[in-house]
Amino acid sequence: MERRLHRLGDHLPVNALGLRLGENTLYTFTGGADGGNPLRLVTDGRNLYGVNIGGGCSGPNCPHGIQGAGASTVFMLSPSNGNWTHTVIRDFEGLYDAGITIDTAGSLYVAVDCGGLYSNGYVFKLTPSGGTRIYTDLYDFQGGNNGSWPWAVSVDQQGNVFGTTTNENVFEISP
């Protein structure tokens, strides 16, 4: 099958989300409470879910207890009447990198490169429940041979979480 690149202005086919293929700006982050520096995206077939580093809520009035610098967000972009609506799902502590994936039940798994109990990164899960999401800390990296600074994450159908760390480890977290 021949693949052809289209220039802007050419007729572009429509993708599964109803957008013309090509570059469209869906949302521009402000770096404030909505977050900044988007890094990764996944989709459930309708909505886009992502992580960004920077922005988000930090300080004594934050709903998730993020204190000081290093706030970031898990966000959702939802199509609505030809536009995209941005929603912050959760603020989290993380400075440089994070990964995200989604399972068939719609749970989001996030690997964060720093922060957590030992300040070496952590993995958490956000499970949908009645219009909100339940936060579960799955693992806090301790450093050394245990690994540190996770940034990629994947999940299989049995709920096993796999990922990589920046210090050459591949990990598995079993349910």
C-alpha atoms as a PDB file:
ATOM      1  CA  MET A   1       0.000   0.000   0.000  1.00  0.00           C
ATOM      2  CA  GLU A   2       1.415   3.368  -0.981  1.00  0.00           C
ATOM      3  CA  ARG A   3       1.616   5.954   1.781  1.00  0.00           C
ATOM      4  CA  ARG A   4       1.538   9.600   0.842  1.00  0.00           C
ATOM      5  CA  LEU A   5       2.325  12.607   2.989  1.00  0.00           C
ATOM      6  CA  HIS A   6      -0.128  15.487   2.692  1.00  0.00           C
ATOM      7  CA  ARG A   7       0.799  19.117   2.733  1.00  0.00           C
ATOM      8  CA  LEU A   8      -1.312  21.585   4.682  1.00  0.00           C
ATOM      9  CA  GLY A   9      -4.279  22.526   2.537  1.00  0.00           C
ATOM     10  CA  ASP A  10      -4.520  19.117   0.844  1.00  0.00           C
ATOM     11  CA  HIS A  11      -7.655  17.062   1.423  1.00  0.00           C
ATOM     12  CA  LEU A  12      -7.004  15.224   4.671  1.00  0.00           C
ATOM     13  CA  PRO A  13      -8.937  12.112   5.780  1.00  0.00           C
ATOM     14  CA  VAL A  14     -10.747  12.057   9.129  1.00  0.00           C
ATOM     15  CA  ASN A  15      -9.343   9.971  12.012  1.00  0.00           C
ATOM     16  CA  ALA A  16     -11.228   7.934  14.631  1.00  0.00           C
ATOM     17  CA  LEU A  17     -11.738  10.988  16.861  1.00  0.00           C
ATOM     18  CA  GLY A  18     -13.423  12.898  14.019  1.00  0.00           C
ATOM     19  CA  LEU A  19     -10.494  15.271  13.409  1.00  0.00           C
ATOM     20  CA  ARG A  20      -8.972  15.873  10.023  1.00  0.00           C
ATOM     21  CA  LEU A  21      -5.575  14.239   9.860  1.00  0.00           C
ATOM     22  CA  GLY A  22      -2.823  16.783   9.977  1.00  0.00           C
ATOM     23  CA  GLU A  23      -1.765  19.128  12.743  1.00  0.00           C
ATOM     24  CA  ASN A  24      -4.498  20.637  14.928  1.00  0.00           C
ATOM     25  CA  THR A  25      -3.857  22.406  18.221  1.00  0.00           C
ATOM     26  CA  LEU A  26      -6.298  20.853  20.683  1.00  0.00           C
ATOM     27  CA  TYR A  27      -5.253  22.714  23.821  1.00  0.00           C
ATOM     28  CA  THR A  28      -2.498  25.112  24.883  1.00  0.00           C
ATOM     29  CA  PHE A  29      -1.288  24.757  28.472  1.00  0.00           C
ATOM     30  CA  THR A  30      -0.669  27.914  30.474  1.00  0.00           C
ATOM     31  CA  GLY A  31       1.889  26.476  32.907  1.00  0.00           C
ATOM     32  CA  GLY A  32      -0.448  27.407  35.755  1.00  0.00           C
ATOM     33  CA  ALA A  33      -3.055  25.255  37.495  1.00  0.00           C
ATOM     34  CA  ASP A  34      -3.756  23.409  34.213  1.00  0.00           C
ATOM     35  CA  GLY A  35      -0.139  22.224  34.013  1.00  0.00           C
ATOM     36  CA  GLY A  36       2.615  22.801  31.489  1.00  0.00           C
ATOM     37  CA  ASN A  37       5.040  20.868  29.293  1.00  0.00           C
ATOM     38  CA  PRO A  38       2.836  17.920  28.226  1.00  0.00           C
ATOM     39  CA  LEU A  39       4.912  14.746  27.841  1.00  0.00           C
ATOM     40  CA  ARG A  40       2.847  11.645  27.079  1.00  0.00           C
ATOM     41  CA  LEU A  41      -0.661  10.815  25.816  1.00  0.00           C
ATOM     42  CA  VAL A  42      -2.893   7.730  25.756  1.00  0.00           C
ATOM     43  CA  THR A  43      -6.488   7.361  24.594  1.00  0.00           C
ATOM     44  CA  ASP A  44      -9.513   5.287  25.507  1.00  0.00           C
ATOM     45  CA  GLY A  45     -10.853   5.747  21.967  1.00  0.00           C
ATOM     46  CA  ARG A  46     -12.647   9.003  22.787  1.00  0.00           C
ATOM     47  CA  ASN A  47     -10.740  11.006  25.401  1.00  0.00           C
ATOM     48  CA  LEU A  48      -7.033  11.765  25.562  1.00  0.00           C
ATOM     49  CA  TYR A  49      -5.209  11.331  28.875  1.00  0.00           C
ATOM     50  CA  GLY A  50      -1.770  12.696  29.549  1.00  0.00           C
ATOM     51  CA  VAL A  51       0.855  13.818  31.992  1.00  0.00           C
ATOM     52  CA  ASN A  52       2.745  17.041  32.098  1.00  0.00           C
ATOM     53  CA  ILE A  53       5.599  18.346  34.166  1.00  0.00           C
ATOM     54  CA  GLY A  54       5.354  21.793  35.666  1.00  0.00           C
ATOM     55  CA  GLY A  55       2.370  23.873  36.570  1.00  0.00           C
ATOM     56  CA  GLY A  56      -0.396  22.234  38.524  1.00  0.00           C
ATOM     57  CA  CYS A  57      -1.217  23.046  42.100  1.00  0.00           C
ATOM     58  CA  SER A  58       1.478  23.382  44.740  1.00  0.00           C
ATOM     59  CA  GLY A  59       1.205  24.812  48.210  1.00  0.00           C
ATOM     60  CA  PRO A  60      -0.864  24.461  51.374  1.00  0.00           C
ATOM     61  CA  ASN A  61      -4.266  24.715  49.630  1.00  0.00           C
ATOM     62  CA  CYS A  62      -3.776  21.929  47.072  1.00  0.00           C
ATOM     63  CA  PRO A  63      -6.331  19.109  47.169  1.00  0.00           C
ATOM     64  CA  HIS A  64      -3.672  16.377  46.934  1.00  0.00           C
ATOM     65  CA  GLY A  65      -1.122  17.749  49.398  1.00  0.00           C
ATOM     66  CA  ILE A  66       1.626  18.763  46.934  1.00  0.00           C
ATOM     67  CA  GLN A  67       3.962  21.098  48.806  1.00  0.00           C
ATOM     68  CA  GLY A  68       6.566  23.370  47.217  1.00  0.00           C
ATOM     69  CA  ALA A  69       8.021  23.077  43.717  1.00  0.00           C
ATOM     70  CA  GLY A  70       7.524  20.038  41.551  1.00  0.00           C
ATOM     71  CA  ALA A  71       3.773  19.924  41.004  1.00  0.00           C
ATOM     72  CA  SER A  72       2.590  18.273  37.785  1.00  0.00           C
ATOM     73  CA  THR A  73      -0.727  16.959  36.515  1.00  0.00           C
ATOM     74  CA  VAL A  74      -2.566  14.025  35.014  1.00  0.00           C
ATOM     75  CA  PHE A  75      -5.076  15.564  32.630  1.00  0.00           C
ATOM     76  CA  MET A  76      -7.919  14.623  30.288  1.00  0.00           C
ATOM     77  CA  LEU A  77      -8.894  16.245  26.997  1.00  0.00           C
ATOM     78  CA  SER A  78     -12.471  15.454  25.903  1.00  0.00           C
ATOM     79  CA  PRO A  79     -14.025  16.307  22.542  1.00  0.00           C
ATOM     80  CA  SER A  80     -17.077  18.545  22.882  1.00  0.00           C
ATOM     81  CA  ASN A  81     -18.931  20.252  20.001  1.00  0.00           C
ATOM     82  CA  GLY A  82     -15.819  20.496  17.823  1.00  0.00           C
ATOM     83  CA  ASN A  83     -13.612  21.731  20.678  1.00  0.00           C
ATOM     84  CA  TRP A  84     -11.615  20.008  23.416  1.00  0.00           C
ATOM     85  CA  THR A  85     -12.298  20.408  27.119  1.00  0.00           C
ATOM     86  CA  HIS A  86      -9.336  20.187  29.513  1.00  0.00           C
ATOM     87  CA  THR A  87      -9.746  18.657  32.984  1.00  0.00           C
ATOM     88  CA  VAL A  88      -7.062  18.146  35.634  1.00  0.00           C
ATOM     89  CA  ILE A  89      -7.594  14.650  37.032  1.00  0.00           C
ATOM     90  CA  ARG A  90      -4.881  14.808  39.679  1.00  0.00           C
ATOM     91  CA  ASP A  91      -1.875  16.859  40.705  1.00  0.00           C
ATOM     92  CA  PHE A  92       1.271  14.910  41.570  1.00  0.00           C
ATOM     93  CA  GLU A  93       4.849  15.496  42.663  1.00  0.00           C
ATOM     94  CA  GLY A  94       7.284  15.138  39.753  1.00  0.00           C
ATOM     95  CA  LEU A  95       9.921  17.341  38.165  1.00  0.00           C
ATOM     96  CA  TYR A  96      11.422  15.948  34.962  1.00  0.00           C
ATOM     97  CA  ASP A  97       9.606  13.034  33.339  1.00  0.00           C
ATOM     98  CA  ALA A  98       6.576  10.776  33.686  1.00  0.00           C
ATOM     99  CA  GLY A  99       4.912   7.990  31.732  1.00  0.00           C
ATOM    100  CA  ILE A 100       1.242   7.052  31.431  1.00  0.00           C
ATOM    101  CA  THR A 101      -0.780   4.098  30.172  1.00  0.00           C
ATOM    102  CA  ILE A 102      -4.403   2.962  30.357  1.00  0.00           C
ATOM    103  CA  ASP A 103      -5.977  -0.477  30.854  1.00  0.00           C
ATOM    104  CA  THR A 104      -9.187  -1.871  29.362  1.00  0.00           C
ATOM    105  CA  ALA A 105     -11.178  -0.819  32.471  1.00  0.00           C
ATOM    106  CA  GLY A 106     -10.066   2.814  32.037  1.00  0.00           C
ATOM    107  CA  SER A 107      -7.600   2.863  34.942  1.00  0.00           C
ATOM    108  CA  LEU A 108      -4.609   5.133  34.389  1.00  0.00           C
ATOM    109  CA  TYR A 109      -1.117   4.092  35.479  1.00  0.00           C
ATOM    110  CA  VAL A 110       1.530   6.779  35.935  1.00  0.00           C
ATOM    111  CA  ALA A 111       5.287   6.349  36.489  1.00  0.00           C
ATOM    112  CA  VAL A 112       6.961   9.456  37.936  1.00  0.00           C
ATOM    113  CA  ASP A 113      10.713   9.989  37.834  1.00  0.00           C
ATOM    114  CA  CYS A 114      11.163  11.608  41.254  1.00  0.00           C
ATOM    115  CA  GLY A 115       9.256  12.139  44.448  1.00  0.00           C
ATOM    116  CA  GLY A 116       7.497   9.412  46.353  1.00  0.00           C
ATOM    117  CA  LEU A 117       8.371   7.952  49.733  1.00  0.00           C
ATOM    118  CA  TYR A 118      12.144   7.687  49.022  1.00  0.00           C
ATOM    119  CA  SER A 119      12.429  10.558  46.494  1.00  0.00           C
ATOM    120  CA  ASN A 120      13.497   8.074  43.781  1.00  0.00           C
ATOM    121  CA  GLY A 121      10.219   7.976  41.863  1.00  0.00           C
ATOM    122  CA  TYR A 122       6.981   6.062  42.171  1.00  0.00           C
ATOM    123  CA  VAL A 123       4.132   4.433  40.233  1.00  0.00           C
ATOM    124  CA  PHE A 124       0.476   5.136  40.952  1.00  0.00           C
ATOM    125  CA  LYS A 125      -2.907   4.074  39.604  1.00  0.00           C
ATOM    126  CA  LEU A 126      -6.061   6.162  39.106  1.00  0.00           C
ATOM    127  CA  THR A 127      -9.145   3.922  39.031  1.00  0.00           C
ATOM    128  CA  PRO A 128     -12.472   5.318  37.735  1.00  0.00           C
ATOM    129  CA  SER A 129     -15.222   5.266  40.362  1.00  0.00           C
ATOM    130  CA  GLY A 130     -18.533   7.117  40.097  1.00  0.00           C
ATOM    131  CA  GLY A 131     -17.284  10.130  38.141  1.00  0.00           C
ATOM    132  CA  THR A 132     -14.033  10.478  40.066  1.00  0.00           C
ATOM    133  CA  ARG A 133     -10.785   8.476  40.267  1.00  0.00           C
ATOM    134  CA  ILE A 134      -9.354   6.616  43.240  1.00  0.00           C
ATOM    135  CA  TYR A 135      -5.606   7.113  43.808  1.00  0.00           C
ATOM    136  CA  THR A 136      -3.497   4.063  44.703  1.00  0.00           C
ATOM    137  CA  ASP A 137       0.273   4.282  45.264  1.00  0.00           C
ATOM    138  CA  LEU A 138       1.536   1.045  43.692  1.00  0.00           C
ATOM    139  CA  TYR A 139       5.259   1.302  44.384  1.00  0.00           C
ATOM    140  CA  ASP A 140       7.925   3.710  45.658  1.00  0.00           C
ATOM    141  CA  PHE A 141      11.428   3.159  44.270  1.00  0.00           C
ATOM    142  CA  GLN A 142      14.238   2.970  46.838  1.00  0.00           C
ATOM    143  CA  GLY A 143      17.238   3.492  44.559  1.00  0.00           C
ATOM    144  CA  GLY A 144      20.308   1.288  44.132  1.00  0.00           C
ATOM    145  CA  ASN A 145      19.600  -2.210  42.775  1.00  0.00           C
ATOM    146  CA  ASN A 146      15.899  -1.595  43.435  1.00  0.00           C
ATOM    147  CA  GLY A 147      15.858   1.033  40.685  1.00  0.00           C
ATOM    148  CA  SER A 148      15.057   4.700  40.580  1.00  0.00           C
ATOM    149  CA  TRP A 149      13.558   7.369  38.347  1.00  0.00           C
ATOM    150  CA  PRO A 150      10.926   5.385  36.398  1.00  0.00           C
ATOM    151  CA  TRP A 151       9.579   7.013  33.274  1.00  0.00           C
ATOM    152  CA  ALA A 152       7.951   4.400  31.032  1.00  0.00           C
ATOM    153  CA  VAL A 153       4.994   2.252  32.076  1.00  0.00           C
ATOM    154  CA  SER A 154       2.774  -0.436  30.523  1.00  0.00           C
ATOM    155  CA  VAL A 155       0.115  -2.798  31.904  1.00  0.00           C
ATOM    156  CA  ASP A 156      -1.046  -6.237  30.742  1.00  0.00           C
ATOM    157  CA  GLN A 157      -4.527  -7.778  30.899  1.00  0.00           C
ATOM    158  CA  GLN A 158      -3.802  -9.393  34.281  1.00  0.00           C
ATOM    159  CA  GLY A 159      -2.940  -6.030  35.851  1.00  0.00           C
ATOM    160  CA  ASN A 160       0.837  -6.556  35.945  1.00  0.00           C
ATOM    161  CA  VAL A 161       2.600  -3.221  35.552  1.00  0.00           C
ATOM    162  CA  PHE A 162       5.873  -3.091  33.618  1.00  0.00           C
ATOM    163  CA  GLY A 163       8.232  -0.208  33.082  1.00  0.00           C
ATOM    164  CA  THR A 164      11.754   1.086  32.830  1.00  0.00           C
ATOM    165  CA  THR A 165      13.914   3.271  35.005  1.00  0.00           C
ATOM    166  CA  THR A 166      16.647   5.661  33.967  1.00  0.00           C
ATOM    167  CA  ASN A 167      19.252   3.571  35.806  1.00  0.00           C
ATOM    168  CA  GLU A 168      18.941   0.585  33.416  1.00  0.00           C
ATOM    169  CA  ASN A 169      16.229  -1.472  35.141  1.00  0.00           C
ATOM    170  CA  VAL A 170      13.108  -3.062  33.707  1.00  0.00           C
ATOM    171  CA  PHE A 171      10.549  -3.623  36.468  1.00  0.00           C
ATOM    172  CA  GLU A 172       7.312  -5.513  37.106  1.00  0.00           C
ATOM    173  CA  ILE A 173       4.742  -4.680  39.775  1.00  0.00           C
ATOM    174  CA  SER A 174       2.247  -7.503  40.310  1.00  0.00           C
ATOM    175  CA  PRO A 175      -1.275  -6.886  41.669  1.00  0.00           C
END
